[in-house]
Amino acid sequence: MTGDLVAVVIAAGFGSRLLPLTSEVPKCMLPVRDKPLLHWALQTFRDVGAARSVVIGGYKAERLGIPPGATLVMNHDFARNNVLHSFAQGRAFADGAGGALVSYSDIIFRRSVVESLLQSEGEEISLVVDRGWAPRYEGRLAHPLDEAEGARFDEHGRLLQIGKGLLRPDSSPDEWGEFIGMMKISRRGLGQFWTAFDDVDARTGEDEPFQAAQAWRKAYLTDMLQELVDRGVKVHCTLIEGGWCEIDTEEDYERAQGFRFE
């Protein structure tokens, strides 16, 4: 039930590839159709019934427009770490909740994308994976395909492999998609996630490699998801075809202005 879920939006990063647009504001405060990316996301999570929202801030956090009903949590070490450790800053705010809706802050998406994710009942951890990735990379010169967070899944939608540099032009949409940066984790799934996180943290130095990351402190969310898969934890893929847009470069930002939210 969405009323028992907390929405966590990770918004701590620099957005350096969008300079100079991000010289004074975080990437998620750039407007699309006259509304900041962050506000589109928070409104959608609120519309589907999330009980409360948490925004993980870092770079230019004082310029984040946090609406009523949302809580700002700081990642003060954002300049040294990455998405995974930003997410960890919001860990306590999901305690006692039925689970979490987790999202990157540099994506816009239709409500139907979130609704599809919420329909994955009975799954402890479920990722949104887009099988319609190929057309999005046609002519996308500033963000080539090898930078996509690819996800390989089996015939039952179970995640097998995830990370950057995995998708190829000939990758079959029956086996491969792009992780859009959104997932749903049940209370039990959060327990599995943080148990693995704490275990890795206890035995790995912050500058030691972890999965595909050169350093533990620089790990991505996908690195921990691959760790879970390697440990035998079931991670489900909610498969979609389009209905979202990533904004990583000026080229992406220009295209996003024509995004259709319905």
C-alpha atoms as a PDB file:
ATOM      1  CA  MET A   1       0.000   0.000   0.000  1.00  0.00           C
ATOM      2  CA  THR A   2       1.417   3.393  -0.986  1.00  0.00           C
ATOM      3  CA  GLY A   3       0.171   5.074   2.169  1.00  0.00           C
ATOM      4  CA  ASP A   4       2.818   3.183   4.101  1.00  0.00           C
ATOM      5  CA  LEU A   5       5.663   4.061   1.720  1.00  0.00           C
ATOM      6  CA  VAL A   6       8.208   6.863   2.030  1.00  0.00           C
ATOM      7  CA  ALA A   7       9.525   8.415  -1.186  1.00  0.00           C
ATOM      8  CA  VAL A   8      13.288   9.040  -1.226  1.00  0.00           C
ATOM      9  CA  VAL A   9      14.692  11.295  -3.953  1.00  0.00           C
ATOM     10  CA  ILE A  10      18.488  11.370  -4.245  1.00  0.00           C
ATOM     11  CA  ALA A  11      19.509  14.904  -5.187  1.00  0.00           C
ATOM     12  CA  ALA A  12      23.015  15.455  -3.834  1.00  0.00           C
ATOM     13  CA  GLY A  13      25.180  15.425  -6.964  1.00  0.00           C
ATOM     14  CA  PHE A  14      26.924  18.230  -8.850  1.00  0.00           C
ATOM     15  CA  GLY A  15      25.319  17.868 -12.272  1.00  0.00           C
ATOM     16  CA  SER A  16      28.656  18.960 -13.748  1.00  0.00           C
ATOM     17  CA  ARG A  17      27.740  17.908 -17.284  1.00  0.00           C
ATOM     18  CA  LEU A  18      25.000  20.530 -17.264  1.00  0.00           C
ATOM     19  CA  LEU A  19      27.269  23.451 -16.449  1.00  0.00           C
ATOM     20  CA  PRO A  20      26.781  26.391 -16.668  1.00  0.00           C
ATOM     21  CA  LEU A  21      23.080  25.667 -16.074  1.00  0.00           C
ATOM     22  CA  THR A  22      23.942  24.088 -12.718  1.00  0.00           C
ATOM     23  CA  SER A  23      26.465  26.683 -11.587  1.00  0.00           C
ATOM     24  CA  GLU A  24      23.959  28.200  -9.157  1.00  0.00           C
ATOM     25  CA  VAL A  25      21.319  25.507  -8.620  1.00  0.00           C
ATOM     26  CA  PRO A  26      21.244  21.697  -8.306  1.00  0.00           C
ATOM     27  CA  LYS A  27      20.329  19.840 -11.479  1.00  0.00           C
ATOM     28  CA  CYS A  28      16.942  18.816 -10.082  1.00  0.00           C
ATOM     29  CA  MET A  29      15.898  22.463  -9.764  1.00  0.00           C
ATOM     30  CA  LEU A  30      16.141  23.067 -13.514  1.00  0.00           C
ATOM     31  CA  PRO A  31      12.651  23.647 -14.891  1.00  0.00           C
ATOM     32  CA  VAL A  32      10.878  21.466 -17.419  1.00  0.00           C
ATOM     33  CA  ARG A  33       7.577  22.898 -18.564  1.00  0.00           C
ATOM     34  CA  ASP A  34       7.924  25.661 -15.907  1.00  0.00           C
ATOM     35  CA  LYS A  35       8.332  23.267 -12.972  1.00  0.00           C
ATOM     36  CA  PRO A  36      11.601  21.955 -11.451  1.00  0.00           C
ATOM     37  CA  LEU A  37      12.422  18.291 -12.004  1.00  0.00           C
ATOM     38  CA  LEU A  38      12.300  17.710  -8.258  1.00  0.00           C
ATOM     39  CA  HIS A  39       8.790  19.110  -7.965  1.00  0.00           C
ATOM     40  CA  TRP A  40       7.505  16.917 -10.785  1.00  0.00           C
ATOM     41  CA  ALA A  41       8.822  13.835  -8.966  1.00  0.00           C
ATOM     42  CA  LEU A  42       7.532  14.794  -5.520  1.00  0.00           C
ATOM     43  CA  GLN A  43       4.114  15.689  -6.908  1.00  0.00           C
ATOM     44  CA  THR A  44       3.831  12.330  -8.667  1.00  0.00           C
ATOM     45  CA  PHE A  45       4.837  10.382  -5.554  1.00  0.00           C
ATOM     46  CA  ARG A  46       2.315  12.385  -3.558  1.00  0.00           C
ATOM     47  CA  ASP A  47      -0.382  11.772  -6.171  1.00  0.00           C
ATOM     48  CA  VAL A  48       0.086   7.997  -5.984  1.00  0.00           C
ATOM     49  CA  GLY A  49      -0.283   8.141  -2.213  1.00  0.00           C
ATOM     50  CA  ALA A  50       3.216   8.067  -0.709  1.00  0.00           C
ATOM     51  CA  ALA A  51       2.880   9.001   2.958  1.00  0.00           C
ATOM     52  CA  ARG A  52       5.900  11.307   3.040  1.00  0.00           C
ATOM     53  CA  SER A  53       8.944  12.305   1.025  1.00  0.00           C
ATOM     54  CA  VAL A  54      12.634  12.681   1.798  1.00  0.00           C
ATOM     55  CA  VAL A  55      15.089  14.576  -0.409  1.00  0.00           C
ATOM     56  CA  ILE A  56      18.794  13.811  -0.031  1.00  0.00           C
ATOM     57  CA  GLY A  57      20.617  17.076  -0.677  1.00  0.00           C
ATOM     58  CA  GLY A  58      24.253  18.016  -1.083  1.00  0.00           C
ATOM     59  CA  TYR A  59      25.418  20.380  -3.813  1.00  0.00           C
ATOM     60  CA  LYS A  60      23.729  23.799  -3.491  1.00  0.00           C
ATOM     61  CA  ALA A  61      21.220  22.241  -1.084  1.00  0.00           C
ATOM     62  CA  GLU A  62      20.198  25.700   0.110  1.00  0.00           C
ATOM     63  CA  ARG A  63      18.739  26.233  -3.368  1.00  0.00           C
ATOM     64  CA  LEU A  64      16.563  23.135  -3.248  1.00  0.00           C
ATOM     65  CA  GLY A  65      12.895  24.036  -3.197  1.00  0.00           C
ATOM     66  CA  ILE A  66      11.561  21.594  -0.623  1.00  0.00           C
ATOM     67  CA  PRO A  67       7.737  21.764  -0.593  1.00  0.00           C
ATOM     68  CA  PRO A  68       5.598  21.198   2.513  1.00  0.00           C
ATOM     69  CA  GLY A  69       5.412  17.542   3.462  1.00  0.00           C
ATOM     70  CA  ALA A  70       8.954  16.756   2.326  1.00  0.00           C
ATOM     71  CA  THR A  71      12.064  16.534   4.502  1.00  0.00           C
ATOM     72  CA  LEU A  72      15.571  17.591   3.485  1.00  0.00           C
ATOM     73  CA  VAL A  73      18.364  15.263   4.628  1.00  0.00           C
ATOM     74  CA  MET A  74      21.950  16.279   3.974  1.00  0.00           C
ATOM     75  CA  ASN A  75      24.816  14.301   2.537  1.00  0.00           C
ATOM     76  CA  HIS A  76      27.577  16.596   3.772  1.00  0.00           C
ATOM     77  CA  ASP A  77      30.211  14.416   2.113  1.00  0.00           C
ATOM     78  CA  PHE A  78      28.611  14.565  -1.335  1.00  0.00           C
ATOM     79  CA  ALA A  79      31.819  15.836  -2.957  1.00  0.00           C
ATOM     80  CA  ARG A  80      33.656  12.642  -1.955  1.00  0.00           C
ATOM     81  CA  ASN A  81      31.024   9.949  -2.326  1.00  0.00           C
ATOM     82  CA  ASN A  82      28.259   8.978  -4.741  1.00  0.00           C
ATOM     83  CA  VAL A  83      24.643   7.873  -5.141  1.00  0.00           C
ATOM     84  CA  LEU A  84      24.760   4.813  -2.889  1.00  0.00           C
ATOM     85  CA  HIS A  85      26.130   6.691   0.105  1.00  0.00           C
ATOM     86  CA  SER A  86      23.700   9.542  -0.525  1.00  0.00           C
ATOM     87  CA  PHE A  87      20.856   7.027  -0.282  1.00  0.00           C
ATOM     88  CA  ALA A  88      22.340   5.780   2.994  1.00  0.00           C
ATOM     89  CA  GLN A  89      21.825   9.227   4.530  1.00  0.00           C
ATOM     90  CA  GLY A  90      18.070   8.739   4.260  1.00  0.00           C
ATOM     91  CA  ARG A  91      18.144   5.293   5.785  1.00  0.00           C
ATOM     92  CA  ALA A  92      16.634   6.189   9.145  1.00  0.00           C
ATOM     93  CA  PHE A  93      13.697   7.993   7.549  1.00  0.00           C
ATOM     94  CA  ALA A  94      12.298   4.758   6.145  1.00  0.00           C
ATOM     95  CA  ASP A  95      12.424   3.050   9.549  1.00  0.00           C
ATOM     96  CA  GLY A  96       8.944   1.984  10.551  1.00  0.00           C
ATOM     97  CA  ALA A  97       7.546   2.530   7.057  1.00  0.00           C
ATOM     98  CA  GLY A  98       6.184  -0.258   4.922  1.00  0.00           C
ATOM     99  CA  GLY A  99       8.930   0.376   2.409  1.00  0.00           C
ATOM    100  CA  ALA A 100      10.430   3.008   0.148  1.00  0.00           C
ATOM    101  CA  LEU A 101      10.031   4.420  -3.333  1.00  0.00           C
ATOM    102  CA  VAL A 102      13.544   5.483  -4.349  1.00  0.00           C
ATOM    103  CA  SER A 103      14.343   7.725  -7.297  1.00  0.00           C
ATOM    104  CA  TYR A 104      17.179   9.623  -8.902  1.00  0.00           C
ATOM    105  CA  SER A 105      16.426  13.327  -9.083  1.00  0.00           C
ATOM    106  CA  ASP A 106      17.484  13.855 -12.716  1.00  0.00           C
ATOM    107  CA  ILE A 107      14.614  11.958 -14.327  1.00  0.00           C
ATOM    108  CA  ILE A 108      11.095  12.950 -15.278  1.00  0.00           C
ATOM    109  CA  PHE A 109       8.426  10.316 -15.693  1.00  0.00           C
ATOM    110  CA  ARG A 110       4.759   9.714 -16.203  1.00  0.00           C
ATOM    111  CA  ARG A 111       2.544   8.670 -13.341  1.00  0.00           C
ATOM    112  CA  SER A 112       1.921   5.391 -15.177  1.00  0.00           C
ATOM    113  CA  VAL A 113       5.583   4.442 -14.645  1.00  0.00           C
ATOM    114  CA  VAL A 114       5.185   4.659 -10.875  1.00  0.00           C
ATOM    115  CA  GLU A 115       1.840   2.886 -11.017  1.00  0.00           C
ATOM    116  CA  SER A 116       3.459  -0.011 -12.890  1.00  0.00           C
ATOM    117  CA  LEU A 117       6.100  -0.235 -10.187  1.00  0.00           C
ATOM    118  CA  LEU A 118       3.497  -0.242  -7.431  1.00  0.00           C
ATOM    119  CA  GLN A 119       1.743  -3.177  -9.086  1.00  0.00           C
ATOM    120  CA  SER A 120       4.770  -5.384  -8.378  1.00  0.00           C
ATOM    121  CA  GLU A 121       3.181  -6.599  -5.157  1.00  0.00           C
ATOM    122  CA  GLY A 122       4.920  -9.411  -3.345  1.00  0.00           C
ATOM    123  CA  GLU A 123       8.344  -8.361  -4.604  1.00  0.00           C
ATOM    124  CA  GLU A 124      10.791  -7.246  -1.911  1.00  0.00           C
ATOM    125  CA  ILE A 125      12.953  -5.213  -4.305  1.00  0.00           C
ATOM    126  CA  SER A 126      11.690  -4.138  -7.710  1.00  0.00           C
ATOM    127  CA  LEU A 127      13.466  -1.903 -10.251  1.00  0.00           C
ATOM    128  CA  VAL A 128      11.944  -0.016 -13.157  1.00  0.00           C
ATOM    129  CA  VAL A 129      13.687  -1.243 -16.308  1.00  0.00           C
ATOM    130  CA  ASP A 130      12.910   0.201 -19.738  1.00  0.00           C
ATOM    131  CA  ARG A 131      13.015  -2.256 -22.632  1.00  0.00           C
ATOM    132  CA  GLY A 132      12.414   0.583 -25.098  1.00  0.00           C
ATOM    133  CA  TRP A 133      15.865   2.112 -24.602  1.00  0.00           C
ATOM    134  CA  ALA A 134      17.175   1.841 -28.167  1.00  0.00           C
ATOM    135  CA  PRO A 135      15.420   4.823 -29.840  1.00  0.00           C
ATOM    136  CA  ARG A 136      16.477   7.084 -26.982  1.00  0.00           C
ATOM    137  CA  TYR A 137      20.140   6.633 -27.881  1.00  0.00           C
ATOM    138  CA  GLU A 138      19.788   7.398 -31.563  1.00  0.00           C
ATOM    139  CA  GLY A 139      21.729  10.628 -32.079  1.00  0.00           C
ATOM    140  CA  ARG A 140      22.313  11.058 -28.341  1.00  0.00           C
ATOM    141  CA  LEU A 141      25.947  12.029 -28.795  1.00  0.00           C
ATOM    142  CA  ALA A 142      26.670  13.600 -25.405  1.00  0.00           C
ATOM    143  CA  HIS A 143      25.441  10.543 -23.481  1.00  0.00           C
ATOM    144  CA  PRO A 144      26.312   7.397 -25.449  1.00  0.00           C
ATOM    145  CA  LEU A 145      24.838   3.952 -24.853  1.00  0.00           C
ATOM    146  CA  ASP A 146      27.798   2.646 -22.859  1.00  0.00           C
ATOM    147  CA  GLU A 147      26.928   5.146 -20.108  1.00  0.00           C
ATOM    148  CA  ALA A 148      23.440   3.701 -19.647  1.00  0.00           C
ATOM    149  CA  GLU A 149      22.776   1.603 -16.550  1.00  0.00           C
ATOM    150  CA  GLY A 150      21.937  -1.630 -18.319  1.00  0.00           C
ATOM    151  CA  ALA A 151      19.962  -4.429 -16.678  1.00  0.00           C
ATOM    152  CA  ARG A 152      19.779  -8.057 -17.834  1.00  0.00           C
ATOM    153  CA  PHE A 153      16.839 -10.131 -16.650  1.00  0.00           C
ATOM    154  CA  ASP A 154      15.522 -13.668 -17.092  1.00  0.00           C
ATOM    155  CA  GLU A 155      12.168 -14.832 -18.463  1.00  0.00           C
ATOM    156  CA  HIS A 156      10.566 -14.271 -15.055  1.00  0.00           C
ATOM    157  CA  GLY A 157      11.805 -10.678 -14.775  1.00  0.00           C
ATOM    158  CA  ARG A 158      14.469 -11.534 -12.222  1.00  0.00           C
ATOM    159  CA  LEU A 159      17.557  -9.312 -12.355  1.00  0.00           C
ATOM    160  CA  LEU A 160      20.747 -11.100 -13.411  1.00  0.00           C
ATOM    161  CA  GLN A 161      23.209  -8.296 -14.089  1.00  0.00           C
ATOM    162  CA  ILE A 162      23.243  -4.509 -13.775  1.00  0.00           C
ATOM    163  CA  GLY A 163      25.661  -1.647 -14.374  1.00  0.00           C
ATOM    164  CA  LYS A 164      27.161   0.706 -16.910  1.00  0.00           C
ATOM    165  CA  GLY A 165      28.862  -0.493 -20.068  1.00  0.00           C
ATOM    166  CA  LEU A 166      26.615  -3.538 -20.474  1.00  0.00           C
ATOM    167  CA  LEU A 167      24.089  -2.474 -23.129  1.00  0.00           C
ATOM    168  CA  ARG A 168      25.010  -2.947 -26.787  1.00  0.00           C
ATOM    169  CA  PRO A 169      23.122  -1.837 -29.926  1.00  0.00           C
ATOM    170  CA  ASP A 170      22.221  -5.476 -30.597  1.00  0.00           C
ATOM    171  CA  SER A 171      21.134  -6.288 -27.018  1.00  0.00           C
ATOM    172  CA  SER A 172      17.743  -7.998 -27.133  1.00  0.00           C
ATOM    173  CA  PRO A 173      14.869  -6.201 -25.360  1.00  0.00           C
ATOM    174  CA  ASP A 174      13.698  -9.651 -24.316  1.00  0.00           C
ATOM    175  CA  GLU A 175      16.733  -9.847 -22.026  1.00  0.00           C
ATOM    176  CA  TRP A 176      18.015  -6.314 -21.615  1.00  0.00           C
ATOM    177  CA  GLY A 177      16.711  -2.921 -20.558  1.00  0.00           C
ATOM    178  CA  GLU A 178      17.843   0.325 -18.980  1.00  0.00           C
ATOM    179  CA  PHE A 179      17.457   0.876 -15.244  1.00  0.00           C
ATOM    180  CA  ILE A 180      15.786   4.278 -15.062  1.00  0.00           C
ATOM    181  CA  GLY A 181      16.886   5.070 -11.507  1.00  0.00           C
ATOM    182  CA  MET A 182      13.670   4.175  -9.690  1.00  0.00           C
ATOM    183  CA  MET A 183      12.863   1.252  -7.424  1.00  0.00           C
ATOM    184  CA  LYS A 184      10.461   0.057  -4.758  1.00  0.00           C
ATOM    185  CA  ILE A 185      11.769  -1.717  -1.672  1.00  0.00           C
ATOM    186  CA  SER A 186       9.559  -3.384   0.915  1.00  0.00           C
ATOM    187  CA  ARG A 187      10.364  -3.299   4.629  1.00  0.00           C
ATOM    188  CA  ARG A 188      11.953  -6.743   4.327  1.00  0.00           C
ATOM    189  CA  GLY A 189      13.806  -5.648   1.198  1.00  0.00           C
ATOM    190  CA  LEU A 190      15.245  -2.667   3.060  1.00  0.00           C
ATOM    191  CA  GLY A 191      16.497  -5.080   5.688  1.00  0.00           C
ATOM    192  CA  GLN A 192      18.213  -7.165   3.005  1.00  0.00           C
ATOM    193  CA  PHE A 193      19.674  -4.068   1.358  1.00  0.00           C
ATOM    194  CA  TRP A 194      21.124  -2.549   4.542  1.00  0.00           C
ATOM    195  CA  THR A 195      22.393  -5.865   5.873  1.00  0.00           C
ATOM    196  CA  ALA A 196      24.481  -6.236   2.710  1.00  0.00           C
ATOM    197  CA  PHE A 197      25.523  -2.569   2.851  1.00  0.00           C
ATOM    198  CA  ASP A 198      26.698  -2.859   6.465  1.00  0.00           C
ATOM    199  CA  ASP A 199      28.583  -6.050   5.704  1.00  0.00           C
ATOM    200  CA  VAL A 200      30.442  -4.475   2.789  1.00  0.00           C
ATOM    201  CA  ASP A 201      31.071  -1.294   4.775  1.00  0.00           C
ATOM    202  CA  ALA A 202      32.582  -3.265   7.667  1.00  0.00           C
ATOM    203  CA  ARG A 203      35.077  -5.140   5.509  1.00  0.00           C
ATOM    204  CA  THR A 204      35.857  -2.641   2.736  1.00  0.00           C
ATOM    205  CA  GLY A 205      37.980   0.482   3.046  1.00  0.00           C
ATOM    206  CA  GLU A 206      36.442   3.598   1.566  1.00  0.00           C
ATOM    207  CA  ASP A 207      39.062   3.714  -1.203  1.00  0.00           C
ATOM    208  CA  GLU A 208      39.013  -0.024  -1.921  1.00  0.00           C
ATOM    209  CA  PRO A 209      37.206  -1.247  -5.061  1.00  0.00           C
ATOM    210  CA  PHE A 210      33.679  -2.604  -4.838  1.00  0.00           C
ATOM    211  CA  GLN A 211      31.861  -4.303  -7.717  1.00  0.00           C
ATOM    212  CA  ALA A 212      32.323  -1.965 -10.742  1.00  0.00           C
ATOM    213  CA  ALA A 213      33.251   1.049  -8.595  1.00  0.00           C
ATOM    214  CA  GLN A 214      36.908   1.982  -8.253  1.00  0.00           C
ATOM    215  CA  ALA A 215      36.260   2.891  -4.615  1.00  0.00           C
ATOM    216  CA  TRP A 216      33.582   1.890  -2.098  1.00  0.00           C
ATOM    217  CA  ARG A 217      32.826   5.520  -1.274  1.00  0.00           C
ATOM    218  CA  LYS A 218      32.169   6.175  -4.973  1.00  0.00           C
ATOM    219  CA  ALA A 219      29.785   3.236  -5.456  1.00  0.00           C
ATOM    220  CA  TYR A 220      26.571   3.583  -7.407  1.00  0.00           C
ATOM    221  CA  LEU A 221      23.209   2.172  -6.440  1.00  0.00           C
ATOM    222  CA  THR A 222      23.712  -0.386  -9.210  1.00  0.00           C
ATOM    223  CA  ASP A 223      26.861  -1.682  -7.508  1.00  0.00           C
ATOM    224  CA  MET A 224      24.884  -2.611  -4.397  1.00  0.00           C
ATOM    225  CA  LEU A 225      22.094  -4.101  -6.492  1.00  0.00           C
ATOM    226  CA  GLN A 226      24.656  -6.327  -8.223  1.00  0.00           C
ATOM    227  CA  GLU A 227      26.006  -7.279  -4.809  1.00  0.00           C
ATOM    228  CA  LEU A 228      22.531  -8.357  -3.762  1.00  0.00           C
ATOM    229  CA  VAL A 229      22.143 -10.462  -6.914  1.00  0.00           C
ATOM    230  CA  ASP A 230      25.537 -12.065  -6.271  1.00  0.00           C
ATOM    231  CA  ARG A 231      24.392 -12.928  -2.735  1.00  0.00           C
ATOM    232  CA  GLY A 232      21.318 -14.677  -4.069  1.00  0.00           C
ATOM    233  CA  VAL A 233      18.813 -11.976  -3.115  1.00  0.00           C
ATOM    234  CA  LYS A 234      15.922 -11.844  -5.559  1.00  0.00           C
ATOM    235  CA  VAL A 235      15.664  -8.482  -7.325  1.00  0.00           C
ATOM    236  CA  HIS A 236      12.681  -8.065  -9.645  1.00  0.00           C
ATOM    237  CA  CYS A 237      12.458  -5.927 -12.781  1.00  0.00           C
ATOM    238  CA  THR A 238       9.261  -4.020 -13.538  1.00  0.00           C
ATOM    239  CA  LEU A 239       9.464  -3.794 -17.322  1.00  0.00           C
ATOM    240  CA  ILE A 240       8.222  -0.698 -19.145  1.00  0.00           C
ATOM    241  CA  GLU A 241       8.630   0.802 -22.595  1.00  0.00           C
ATOM    242  CA  GLY A 242       9.273   4.536 -22.446  1.00  0.00           C
ATOM    243  CA  GLY A 243       7.355   7.103 -20.410  1.00  0.00           C
ATOM    244  CA  TRP A 244      10.382   8.714 -18.816  1.00  0.00           C
ATOM    245  CA  CYS A 245      13.360  10.890 -19.648  1.00  0.00           C
ATOM    246  CA  GLU A 246      16.838  11.266 -18.135  1.00  0.00           C
ATOM    247  CA  ILE A 247      18.459  14.702 -18.022  1.00  0.00           C
ATOM    248  CA  ASP A 248      22.229  14.399 -17.883  1.00  0.00           C
ATOM    249  CA  THR A 249      23.452  16.836 -20.554  1.00  0.00           C
ATOM    250  CA  GLU A 250      22.318  20.067 -22.212  1.00  0.00           C
ATOM    251  CA  GLU A 251      21.227  17.946 -25.174  1.00  0.00           C
ATOM    252  CA  ASP A 252      18.983  15.915 -22.839  1.00  0.00           C
ATOM    253  CA  TYR A 253      17.634  19.069 -21.229  1.00  0.00           C
ATOM    254  CA  GLU A 254      16.602  20.560 -24.551  1.00  0.00           C
ATOM    255  CA  ARG A 255      14.828  17.350 -25.545  1.00  0.00           C
ATOM    256  CA  ALA A 256      13.084  17.120 -22.177  1.00  0.00           C
ATOM    257  CA  GLN A 257      11.194  20.352 -22.789  1.00  0.00           C
ATOM    258  CA  GLY A 258       8.967  18.433 -25.188  1.00  0.00           C
ATOM    259  CA  PHE A 259       8.328  15.541 -22.796  1.00  0.00           C
ATOM    260  CA  ARG A 260       4.702  14.457 -22.584  1.00  0.00           C
ATOM    261  CA  PHE A 261       3.635  13.782 -19.020  1.00  0.00           C
ATOM    262  CA  GLU A 262       0.383  12.160 -20.127  1.00  0.00           C
END
